[in-house]
């Protein structure tokens, strides 16, 4: 199973729409979506229209399907609800990329950002990551816990690296290290869109740096 999505944003949305619309039993090919070597001089207006069309088509297909319909999904039992959530945050992160490239502020509703952190935790703790990114096993050791605390909404997380797998829960508990920041900054940090420097890190800062160095999803 792989959770790396096509680099072509609107192509990825069309890929997901096909899966949901056809109730696919296996994923369509995404090889063409990953090869962007020829996309060097596309017209921005054409790209903008294509992205808007793809997003609208995916949203309409997901709305028609409803959240409970099942089809092939990289996460067991995920179905259409998985694609709605995953592509919402996939698109949001690429919007963040555009904002950061332009030097403008990236704004996301705090409740939406908090759910995006939940989703990142869920996907980032899947055991298959150890197969794809074996260096992530180096994160596991006694005493390794990291807390994330959003300062602009009531959303604390506890990442537990003390067992045989990566575990997490919504909890405000004492941890070896804690990062305190507005929830969107926490989201951008775990997606490695912004450095942890400048955020309030309490406790074992080296553990935080090591964790951010080793995480595989994002």
Protein backbone atom coordinates (compact mmCIF):
# COMPACT_ATOMS: atom_id res chain seq x y z
CA UNK A 1 0.00 0.00 0.00
CA UNK A 2 1.22 3.48 -0.79
CA UNK A 3 -0.11 6.84 0.31
CA UNK A 4 2.06 8.98 -1.94
CA UNK A 5 -0.34 10.77 -4.26
CA UNK A 6 0.09 11.99 -7.82
CA UNK A 7 2.16 15.16 -7.99
CA UNK A 8 -0.23 16.63 -10.57
CA UNK A 9 -2.93 18.15 -8.31
CA UNK A 10 -5.88 18.24 -10.68
CA UNK A 11 -4.75 14.93 -12.18
CA UNK A 12 -4.83 13.42 -8.71
CA UNK A 13 -8.34 14.73 -8.14
CA UNK A 14 -9.49 13.25 -11.44
CA UNK A 15 -7.80 9.96 -10.49
CA UNK A 16 -9.73 9.89 -7.19
CA UNK A 17 -12.98 10.85 -8.91
CA UNK A 18 -12.63 7.90 -11.31
CA UNK A 19 -12.14 5.53 -8.38
CA UNK A 20 -15.22 6.81 -6.55
CA UNK A 21 -17.42 7.19 -9.66
CA UNK A 22 -16.74 3.67 -10.93
CA UNK A 23 -16.60 2.06 -7.47
CA UNK A 24 -13.24 0.72 -8.65
CA UNK A 25 -12.02 -2.59 -7.29
CA UNK A 26 -8.41 -1.64 -8.00
CA UNK A 27 -6.63 1.69 -8.55
CA UNK A 28 -6.31 3.10 -12.06
CA UNK A 29 -2.78 3.77 -13.24
CA UNK A 30 -1.20 6.96 -11.93
CA UNK A 31 2.09 6.73 -13.82
CA UNK A 32 1.28 9.60 -16.18
CA UNK A 33 0.34 11.82 -13.25
CA UNK A 34 3.76 11.49 -11.66
CA UNK A 35 5.78 12.46 -14.74
CA UNK A 36 5.67 16.25 -14.91
CA UNK A 37 8.84 16.61 -16.97
CA UNK A 38 6.92 18.12 -19.88
CA UNK A 39 4.94 20.62 -17.81
CA UNK A 40 7.29 23.57 -18.15
CA UNK A 41 5.31 26.30 -19.90
CA UNK A 42 1.64 25.68 -19.15
CA UNK A 43 -0.68 28.68 -19.29
CA UNK A 44 -1.63 29.71 -15.71
CA UNK A 45 -5.21 30.48 -16.78
CA UNK A 46 -5.57 27.02 -18.31
CA UNK A 47 -4.12 25.40 -15.20
CA UNK A 48 -6.43 27.41 -12.95
CA UNK A 49 -9.50 26.36 -14.93
CA UNK A 50 -8.40 22.73 -15.02
CA UNK A 51 -7.84 22.64 -11.26
CA UNK A 52 -11.22 24.25 -10.53
CA UNK A 53 -12.96 21.81 -12.87
CA UNK A 54 -11.25 18.77 -11.34
CA UNK A 55 -12.02 19.87 -7.79
CA UNK A 56 -15.67 20.53 -8.61
CA UNK A 57 -16.03 17.17 -10.34
CA UNK A 58 -14.49 15.29 -7.41
CA UNK A 59 -16.67 17.16 -4.90
CA UNK A 60 -19.83 16.44 -6.92
CA UNK A 61 -18.96 12.75 -7.25
CA UNK A 62 -18.24 12.42 -3.54
CA UNK A 63 -21.48 14.20 -2.67
CA UNK A 64 -23.47 11.90 -4.96
CA UNK A 65 -21.78 8.81 -3.53
CA UNK A 66 -22.21 9.76 0.11
CA UNK A 67 -19.69 8.93 2.86
CA UNK A 68 -20.41 5.22 3.26
CA UNK A 69 -19.86 3.83 -0.24
CA UNK A 70 -16.97 1.40 -0.52
CA UNK A 71 -14.48 0.95 -3.35
CA UNK A 72 -10.75 0.32 -3.61
CA UNK A 73 -8.93 2.35 -0.99
CA UNK A 74 -5.32 2.33 0.26
CA UNK A 75 -6.72 2.18 3.80
CA UNK A 76 -8.98 -0.76 4.64
CA UNK A 77 -12.61 0.29 4.97
CA UNK A 78 -11.91 3.87 3.98
CA UNK A 79 -14.12 4.21 0.90
CA UNK A 80 -15.54 7.53 -0.27
CA UNK A 81 -15.16 9.16 3.16
CA UNK A 82 -11.42 8.53 2.98
CA UNK A 83 -11.11 10.20 -0.44
CA UNK A 84 -13.13 13.23 0.65
CA UNK A 85 -10.93 13.81 3.68
CA UNK A 86 -7.62 12.91 2.06
CA UNK A 87 -8.02 15.12 -0.98
CA UNK A 88 -9.36 18.01 1.06
CA UNK A 89 -6.12 18.08 3.03
CA UNK A 90 -3.92 17.15 0.08
CA UNK A 91 -5.32 20.18 -1.74
CA UNK A 92 -5.00 22.37 1.36
CA UNK A 93 -1.32 21.51 1.68
CA UNK A 94 -0.67 22.39 -1.95
CA UNK A 95 -2.50 25.66 -1.36
CA UNK A 96 -0.07 26.18 1.52
CA UNK A 97 2.81 25.51 -0.88
CA UNK A 98 1.50 28.24 -3.19
CA UNK A 99 1.02 30.68 -0.31
CA UNK A 100 4.50 30.02 1.07
CA UNK A 101 6.04 30.40 -2.39
CA UNK A 102 4.32 33.78 -2.79
CA UNK A 103 5.17 34.88 0.74
CA UNK A 104 1.52 35.34 1.74
CA UNK A 105 -0.22 34.06 4.86
CA UNK A 106 -1.81 30.62 4.68
CA UNK A 107 -5.16 30.60 6.48
CA UNK A 108 -7.13 27.50 7.46
CA UNK A 109 -10.09 27.28 9.82
CA UNK A 110 -8.74 25.99 13.18
CA UNK A 111 -11.29 23.16 13.39
CA UNK A 112 -10.40 22.05 9.87
CA UNK A 113 -6.68 22.25 10.67
CA UNK A 114 -7.21 20.20 13.84
CA UNK A 115 -8.96 17.46 11.87
CA UNK A 116 -6.12 17.58 9.35
CA UNK A 117 -3.68 16.91 12.20
CA UNK A 118 -5.90 14.00 13.31
CA UNK A 119 -5.78 12.57 9.80
CA UNK A 120 -2.02 13.02 9.61
CA UNK A 121 -1.66 11.17 12.90
CA UNK A 122 -3.91 8.35 11.70
CA UNK A 123 -2.09 7.87 8.41
CA UNK A 124 1.39 8.58 9.79
CA UNK A 125 1.07 5.86 12.42
CA UNK A 126 0.10 3.07 10.00
CA UNK A 127 2.54 0.15 10.44
CA UNK A 128 3.23 -0.13 6.70
CA UNK A 129 5.43 2.97 6.97
CA UNK A 130 8.08 0.78 8.61
CA UNK A 131 8.26 -1.23 5.39
CA UNK A 132 8.43 1.80 3.11
CA UNK A 133 10.59 3.92 5.42
CA UNK A 134 12.50 1.48 7.66
CA UNK A 135 14.39 4.34 9.32
CA UNK A 136 11.16 5.31 11.07
CA UNK A 137 11.70 2.35 13.44
CA UNK A 138 14.55 4.36 14.94
CA UNK A 139 11.90 6.63 16.48
CA UNK A 140 10.74 3.91 18.86
CA UNK A 141 12.40 3.87 22.28
CA UNK A 142 11.43 4.07 25.96
CA UNK A 143 10.52 7.51 27.25
CA UNK A 144 9.86 9.03 23.83
CA UNK A 145 6.61 10.98 23.90
CA UNK A 146 5.81 14.21 22.12
CA UNK A 147 2.87 16.48 22.86
CA UNK A 148 1.35 18.91 20.39
CA UNK A 149 -0.83 21.62 21.86
CA UNK A 150 -2.77 24.06 19.72
CA UNK A 151 -2.84 27.48 21.32
CA UNK A 152 -5.83 28.77 19.35
CA UNK A 153 -8.24 25.85 19.81
CA UNK A 154 -8.78 23.10 22.36
CA UNK A 155 -6.86 20.40 20.51
CA UNK A 156 -3.99 18.57 22.24
CA UNK A 157 -2.28 15.47 20.87
CA UNK A 158 0.07 12.94 22.47
CA UNK A 159 2.41 10.99 20.19
CA UNK A 160 3.65 7.82 21.91
CA UNK A 161 6.85 6.30 20.53
CA UNK A 162 7.54 4.04 23.51
CA UNK A 163 6.10 0.78 22.14
CA UNK A 164 6.51 -1.45 19.10
CA UNK A 165 4.43 0.84 16.89
CA UNK A 166 3.75 4.55 16.60
CA UNK A 167 0.65 5.43 18.63
CA UNK A 168 -1.22 8.65 19.24
CA UNK A 169 -4.25 9.99 21.04
CA UNK A 170 -6.05 13.24 21.64
CA UNK A 171 -4.78 14.01 25.13
CA UNK A 172 -3.15 16.75 27.15
CA UNK A 173 -0.56 14.70 29.04
CA UNK A 174 2.97 15.26 30.24
CA UNK A 175 5.47 14.37 27.53
CA UNK A 176 9.21 14.33 27.04
CA UNK A 177 8.80 17.16 24.56
CA UNK A 178 5.96 19.47 23.68
CA UNK A 179 5.32 21.84 20.78
CA UNK A 180 2.91 24.70 21.44
CA UNK A 181 1.69 26.80 18.52
CA UNK A 182 -1.42 27.82 16.59
CA UNK A 183 -2.93 24.69 15.05
CA UNK A 184 -2.18 25.70 11.45
CA UNK A 185 1.50 26.13 12.34
CA UNK A 186 1.47 22.68 13.94
CA UNK A 187 -0.04 21.28 10.76
CA UNK A 188 2.51 22.97 8.53
CA UNK A 189 5.31 21.71 10.76
CA UNK A 190 4.30 18.04 10.71
CA UNK A 191 3.86 18.28 6.95
CA UNK A 192 7.35 19.80 6.87
CA UNK A 193 6.14 22.97 5.22
CA UNK A 194 7.68 25.14 7.93
CA UNK A 195 10.55 24.60 10.38
CA UNK A 196 9.89 24.00 14.04
CA UNK A 197 12.19 26.93 14.80
CA UNK A 198 10.10 29.84 16.01
CA UNK A 199 7.52 27.62 17.70
CA UNK A 200 7.43 27.09 21.45
CA UNK A 201 9.25 23.80 22.14
CA UNK A 202 9.35 22.62 25.75
CA UNK A 203 11.50 19.75 26.95
CA UNK A 204 13.59 17.52 24.68
CA UNK A 205 14.07 19.64 21.57
CA UNK A 206 16.48 17.07 20.11
CA UNK A 207 13.70 14.46 20.20
CA UNK A 208 11.42 16.82 18.28
CA UNK A 209 14.11 17.41 15.65
CA UNK A 210 14.79 13.67 15.38
CA UNK A 211 11.08 12.91 15.00
CA UNK A 212 10.61 15.52 12.27
CA UNK A 213 13.68 14.13 10.52
CA UNK A 214 12.32 10.57 10.51
CA UNK A 215 8.60 10.95 9.83
CA UNK A 216 7.59 9.53 6.49
CA UNK A 217 4.07 10.79 5.74
CA UNK A 218 3.68 14.30 4.40
